[in-house]
Amino acid sequence: MSRGGVDLLHGAETLISPGERLALIGPNGSGKTSLLRLLCGDILPDQGSVEMPGMRISMLEQLAPESDLPGWQYVLAADEPLSTAQRALALAQSRDDGMAIAHAMDAWQVAGGMDAEARARILLNGLGFSRNRRTSRSTPCPVAGGCGSTWPAHFSGRPNC
């Protein structure tokens, strides 16, 4: 894979087993974002192929808009299945529709609603974010996945590509 005439990956091969989680770390321009975009199908390889049967890819974008939300809420807002279930639950509750509430609660549980906040906080803590840091900077980050406590956590508009 090359970008702008620079060879980023040549002869690369890897196998990622189900349940494994990886982080890409490297200097600016080393191809972290390009590799993720290749895996998501946003760009095509110069040669060879990418096979991703049933894999889920999540990305942290390098730039994030300002937000008054704490980082963990910002992360959860990008979790589309969870957000959809929460909206359905709120609508069902506003209509006092018991059957719809039951279905929405089921979808919320399947989406991981019971431990979503804890998982988001663990994710951010593991990336070095302070407990209540708000997403207020729009500074490029040289690390795909976050830059510790000086950069806001943000999943792309397509957290699952």
C-alpha atoms as a PDB file:
ATOM      1  CA  MET A   1       0.000   0.000   0.000  1.00  0.00           C
ATOM      2  CA  SER A   2       1.343   3.398  -0.873  1.00  0.00           C
ATOM      3  CA  ARG A   3       0.044   6.912  -0.333  1.00  0.00           C
ATOM      4  CA  GLY A   4       1.380   9.984  -2.070  1.00  0.00           C
ATOM      5  CA  GLY A   5       4.165   7.977  -3.655  1.00  0.00           C
ATOM      6  CA  VAL A   6       5.407   6.674  -0.297  1.00  0.00           C
ATOM      7  CA  ASP A   7       5.453   2.904   0.197  1.00  0.00           C
ATOM      8  CA  LEU A   8       3.684   2.277   3.539  1.00  0.00           C
ATOM      9  CA  LEU A   9       3.134  -1.493   3.454  1.00  0.00           C
ATOM     10  CA  HIS A  10       4.838  -3.998   1.212  1.00  0.00           C
ATOM     11  CA  GLY A  11       4.327  -7.743   1.463  1.00  0.00           C
ATOM     12  CA  ALA A  12       2.401  -7.383   4.724  1.00  0.00           C
ATOM     13  CA  GLU A  13       0.351 -10.294   5.969  1.00  0.00           C
ATOM     14  CA  THR A  14      -1.401 -10.874   9.275  1.00  0.00           C
ATOM     15  CA  LEU A  15      -4.084 -13.006  10.871  1.00  0.00           C
ATOM     16  CA  ILE A  16      -6.332 -11.503  13.514  1.00  0.00           C
ATOM     17  CA  SER A  17      -8.326 -14.061  15.457  1.00  0.00           C
ATOM     18  CA  PRO A  18     -11.906 -13.432  16.616  1.00  0.00           C
ATOM     19  CA  GLY A  19     -11.980 -11.465  19.860  1.00  0.00           C
ATOM     20  CA  GLU A  20      -8.495 -10.002  19.462  1.00  0.00           C
ATOM     21  CA  ARG A  21      -8.061  -6.259  19.808  1.00  0.00           C
ATOM     22  CA  LEU A  22      -5.238  -4.323  18.246  1.00  0.00           C
ATOM     23  CA  ALA A  23      -3.916  -0.786  18.456  1.00  0.00           C
ATOM     24  CA  LEU A  24      -1.894   0.958  15.763  1.00  0.00           C
ATOM     25  CA  ILE A  25       0.845   3.205  17.084  1.00  0.00           C
ATOM     26  CA  GLY A  26       3.349   5.152  15.031  1.00  0.00           C
ATOM     27  CA  PRO A  27       4.528   8.572  13.932  1.00  0.00           C
ATOM     28  CA  ASN A  28       2.539  10.896  11.699  1.00  0.00           C
ATOM     29  CA  GLY A  29       2.581   9.772   8.093  1.00  0.00           C
ATOM     30  CA  SER A  30       3.462   6.151   8.828  1.00  0.00           C
ATOM     31  CA  GLY A  31       0.154   4.859   7.427  1.00  0.00           C
ATOM     32  CA  LYS A  32      -1.984   4.077  10.503  1.00  0.00           C
ATOM     33  CA  THR A  33      -5.087   5.841   9.217  1.00  0.00           C
ATOM     34  CA  SER A  34      -4.486   4.616   5.660  1.00  0.00           C
ATOM     35  CA  LEU A  35      -4.334   1.029   6.915  1.00  0.00           C
ATOM     36  CA  LEU A  36      -7.589   1.420   8.834  1.00  0.00           C
ATOM     37  CA  ARG A  37      -9.267   3.012   5.823  1.00  0.00           C
ATOM     38  CA  LEU A  38      -7.992   0.118   3.700  1.00  0.00           C
ATOM     39  CA  LEU A  39      -9.471  -2.374   6.169  1.00  0.00           C
ATOM     40  CA  CYS A  40     -12.774  -0.466   6.154  1.00  0.00           C
ATOM     41  CA  GLY A  41     -12.860  -0.551   2.350  1.00  0.00           C
ATOM     42  CA  ASP A  42     -12.605   3.231   1.996  1.00  0.00           C
ATOM     43  CA  ILE A  43      -9.468   2.834  -0.128  1.00  0.00           C
ATOM     44  CA  LEU A  44      -8.263  -0.062  -2.276  1.00  0.00           C
ATOM     45  CA  PRO A  45      -4.886  -1.792  -2.035  1.00  0.00           C
ATOM     46  CA  ASP A  46      -2.365  -1.076  -4.780  1.00  0.00           C
ATOM     47  CA  GLN A  47      -2.122  -4.832  -5.246  1.00  0.00           C
ATOM     48  CA  GLY A  48      -3.168  -7.957  -3.385  1.00  0.00           C
ATOM     49  CA  SER A  49      -6.341  -8.278  -1.385  1.00  0.00           C
ATOM     50  CA  VAL A  50      -7.878  -7.663   2.000  1.00  0.00           C
ATOM     51  CA  GLU A  51     -10.108 -10.368   3.441  1.00  0.00           C
ATOM     52  CA  MET A  52     -12.198  -9.496   6.476  1.00  0.00           C
ATOM     53  CA  PRO A  53     -14.908 -12.072   7.071  1.00  0.00           C
ATOM     54  CA  GLY A  54     -17.211 -10.732   9.770  1.00  0.00           C
ATOM     55  CA  MET A  55     -14.648  -8.442  11.375  1.00  0.00           C
ATOM     56  CA  ARG A  56     -15.631  -5.210  13.130  1.00  0.00           C
ATOM     57  CA  ILE A  57     -13.329  -2.209  12.817  1.00  0.00           C
ATOM     58  CA  SER A  58     -13.494   0.814  15.125  1.00  0.00           C
ATOM     59  CA  MET A  59     -11.477   3.959  14.629  1.00  0.00           C
ATOM     60  CA  LEU A  60     -10.592   7.035  16.621  1.00  0.00           C
ATOM     61  CA  GLU A  61     -10.472   9.978  14.247  1.00  0.00           C
ATOM     62  CA  GLN A  62      -7.527  12.352  14.410  1.00  0.00           C
ATOM     63  CA  LEU A  63      -9.736  15.416  14.648  1.00  0.00           C
ATOM     64  CA  ALA A  64     -12.813  15.778  16.798  1.00  0.00           C
ATOM     65  CA  PRO A  65     -15.324  18.622  16.993  1.00  0.00           C
ATOM     66  CA  GLU A  66     -15.717  20.428  20.283  1.00  0.00           C
ATOM     67  CA  SER A  67     -18.230  18.967  22.711  1.00  0.00           C
ATOM     68  CA  ASP A  68     -19.398  19.663  26.243  1.00  0.00           C
ATOM     69  CA  LEU A  69     -19.881  15.932  26.829  1.00  0.00           C
ATOM     70  CA  PRO A  70     -17.509  14.021  29.084  1.00  0.00           C
ATOM     71  CA  GLY A  71     -15.357  11.693  26.978  1.00  0.00           C
ATOM     72  CA  TRP A  72     -17.210   8.515  28.014  1.00  0.00           C
ATOM     73  CA  GLN A  73     -20.554   9.982  26.879  1.00  0.00           C
ATOM     74  CA  TYR A  74     -18.967  11.128  23.628  1.00  0.00           C
ATOM     75  CA  VAL A  75     -17.724   7.566  22.992  1.00  0.00           C
ATOM     76  CA  LEU A  76     -21.146   6.083  23.763  1.00  0.00           C
ATOM     77  CA  ALA A  77     -22.876   8.579  21.467  1.00  0.00           C
ATOM     78  CA  ALA A  78     -20.958   7.006  18.558  1.00  0.00           C
ATOM     79  CA  ASP A  79     -22.154   3.486  19.439  1.00  0.00           C
ATOM     80  CA  GLU A  80     -24.980   3.287  16.890  1.00  0.00           C
ATOM     81  CA  PRO A  81     -26.657   0.069  18.127  1.00  0.00           C
ATOM     82  CA  LEU A  82     -26.682   1.376  21.698  1.00  0.00           C
ATOM     83  CA  SER A  83     -27.893   4.848  20.670  1.00  0.00           C
ATOM     84  CA  THR A  84     -30.662   3.335  18.540  1.00  0.00           C
ATOM     85  CA  ALA A  85     -31.796   1.139  21.435  1.00  0.00           C
ATOM     86  CA  GLN A  86     -31.748   4.095  23.844  1.00  0.00           C
ATOM     87  CA  ARG A  87     -33.866   6.202  21.465  1.00  0.00           C
ATOM     88  CA  ALA A  88     -36.335   3.327  21.015  1.00  0.00           C
ATOM     89  CA  LEU A  89     -36.549   2.889  24.786  1.00  0.00           C
ATOM     90  CA  ALA A  90     -37.175   6.595  25.378  1.00  0.00           C
ATOM     91  CA  LEU A  91     -39.898   6.630  22.708  1.00  0.00           C
ATOM     92  CA  ALA A  92     -41.558   3.487  24.107  1.00  0.00           C
ATOM     93  CA  GLN A  93     -41.477   4.928  27.626  1.00  0.00           C
ATOM     94  CA  SER A  94     -42.957   8.231  26.461  1.00  0.00           C
ATOM     95  CA  ARG A  95     -45.827   6.272  24.881  1.00  0.00           C
ATOM     96  CA  ASP A  96     -46.147   3.999  27.929  1.00  0.00           C
ATOM     97  CA  ASP A  97     -46.060   1.030  25.528  1.00  0.00           C
ATOM     98  CA  GLY A  98     -45.138  -2.009  27.612  1.00  0.00           C
ATOM     99  CA  MET A  99     -44.400  -4.320  24.682  1.00  0.00           C
ATOM    100  CA  ALA A 100     -42.234  -1.727  22.949  1.00  0.00           C
ATOM    101  CA  ILE A 101     -40.430  -1.059  26.246  1.00  0.00           C
ATOM    102  CA  ALA A 102     -39.674  -4.790  26.570  1.00  0.00           C
ATOM    103  CA  HIS A 103     -38.331  -4.991  22.999  1.00  0.00           C
ATOM    104  CA  ALA A 104     -36.268  -1.830  23.450  1.00  0.00           C
ATOM    105  CA  MET A 105     -34.848  -3.087  26.761  1.00  0.00           C
ATOM    106  CA  ASP A 106     -33.855  -6.319  25.035  1.00  0.00           C
ATOM    107  CA  ALA A 107     -32.122  -4.383  22.242  1.00  0.00           C
ATOM    108  CA  TRP A 108     -30.416  -2.175  24.842  1.00  0.00           C
ATOM    109  CA  GLN A 109     -29.097  -5.229  26.692  1.00  0.00           C
ATOM    110  CA  VAL A 110     -27.924  -6.885  23.452  1.00  0.00           C
ATOM    111  CA  ALA A 111     -26.114  -3.625  22.555  1.00  0.00           C
ATOM    112  CA  GLY A 112     -24.264  -3.814  25.880  1.00  0.00           C
ATOM    113  CA  GLY A 113     -26.226  -1.098  27.642  1.00  0.00           C
ATOM    114  CA  MET A 114     -25.790  -2.589  31.090  1.00  0.00           C
ATOM    115  CA  ASP A 115     -22.022  -2.084  31.126  1.00  0.00           C
ATOM    116  CA  ALA A 116     -21.584   0.475  28.332  1.00  0.00           C
ATOM    117  CA  GLU A 117     -20.521   3.333  30.602  1.00  0.00           C
ATOM    118  CA  ALA A 118     -17.971   1.154  32.389  1.00  0.00           C
ATOM    119  CA  ARG A 119     -16.565  -0.124  29.078  1.00  0.00           C
ATOM    120  CA  ALA A 120     -16.283   3.417  27.686  1.00  0.00           C
ATOM    121  CA  ARG A 121     -14.520   4.631  30.847  1.00  0.00           C
ATOM    122  CA  ILE A 122     -12.122   1.653  30.765  1.00  0.00           C
ATOM    123  CA  LEU A 123     -11.373   2.338  27.097  1.00  0.00           C
ATOM    124  CA  LEU A 124     -10.609   5.992  27.756  1.00  0.00           C
ATOM    125  CA  ASN A 125      -8.591   5.204  30.876  1.00  0.00           C
ATOM    126  CA  GLY A 126      -6.548   2.682  28.904  1.00  0.00           C
ATOM    127  CA  LEU A 127      -5.805   5.379  26.330  1.00  0.00           C
ATOM    128  CA  GLY A 128      -4.662   7.743  29.088  1.00  0.00           C
ATOM    129  CA  PHE A 129      -7.604  10.142  29.251  1.00  0.00           C
ATOM    130  CA  SER A 130      -8.384  11.820  32.551  1.00  0.00           C
ATOM    131  CA  ARG A 131     -11.657  10.867  34.237  1.00  0.00           C
ATOM    132  CA  ASN A 132     -13.784  13.917  33.375  1.00  0.00           C
ATOM    133  CA  ARG A 133     -11.925  15.422  30.408  1.00  0.00           C
ATOM    134  CA  ARG A 134     -14.251  17.072  27.914  1.00  0.00           C
ATOM    135  CA  THR A 135     -13.689  16.950  24.172  1.00  0.00           C
ATOM    136  CA  SER A 136     -12.563  20.500  23.595  1.00  0.00           C
ATOM    137  CA  ARG A 137      -9.474  20.349  21.359  1.00  0.00           C
ATOM    138  CA  SER A 138      -9.224  19.725  17.666  1.00  0.00           C
ATOM    139  CA  THR A 139      -5.503  18.958  17.519  1.00  0.00           C
ATOM    140  CA  PRO A 140      -4.216  16.262  15.173  1.00  0.00           C
ATOM    141  CA  CYS A 141      -3.078  13.170  17.001  1.00  0.00           C
ATOM    142  CA  PRO A 142      -0.028  11.210  15.788  1.00  0.00           C
ATOM    143  CA  VAL A 143      -1.338   7.948  17.259  1.00  0.00           C
ATOM    144  CA  ALA A 144      -4.291   6.098  15.735  1.00  0.00           C
ATOM    145  CA  GLY A 145      -6.259   5.436  18.883  1.00  0.00           C
ATOM    146  CA  GLY A 146      -5.536   8.514  20.955  1.00  0.00           C
ATOM    147  CA  CYS A 147      -2.855  10.718  22.445  1.00  0.00           C
ATOM    148  CA  GLY A 148      -3.359  10.332  26.147  1.00  0.00           C
ATOM    149  CA  SER A 149      -4.898  13.100  28.188  1.00  0.00           C
ATOM    150  CA  THR A 150      -4.211  15.908  25.723  1.00  0.00           C
ATOM    151  CA  TRP A 151      -6.508  14.753  22.949  1.00  0.00           C
ATOM    152  CA  PRO A 152     -10.278  14.089  22.932  1.00  0.00           C
ATOM    153  CA  ALA A 153     -11.686  10.629  22.441  1.00  0.00           C
ATOM    154  CA  HIS A 154     -13.860  10.380  19.371  1.00  0.00           C
ATOM    155  CA  PHE A 155     -15.049   7.523  17.230  1.00  0.00           C
ATOM    156  CA  SER A 156     -15.581   8.274  13.596  1.00  0.00           C
ATOM    157  CA  GLY A 157     -19.061   8.737  12.170  1.00  0.00           C
ATOM    158  CA  ARG A 158     -18.779   5.091  11.099  1.00  0.00           C
ATOM    159  CA  PRO A 159     -17.533   3.284  14.218  1.00  0.00           C
ATOM    160  CA  ASN A 160     -18.241  -0.066  12.586  1.00  0.00           C
ATOM    161  CA  CYS A 161     -17.226  -0.171   8.968  1.00  0.00           C
END
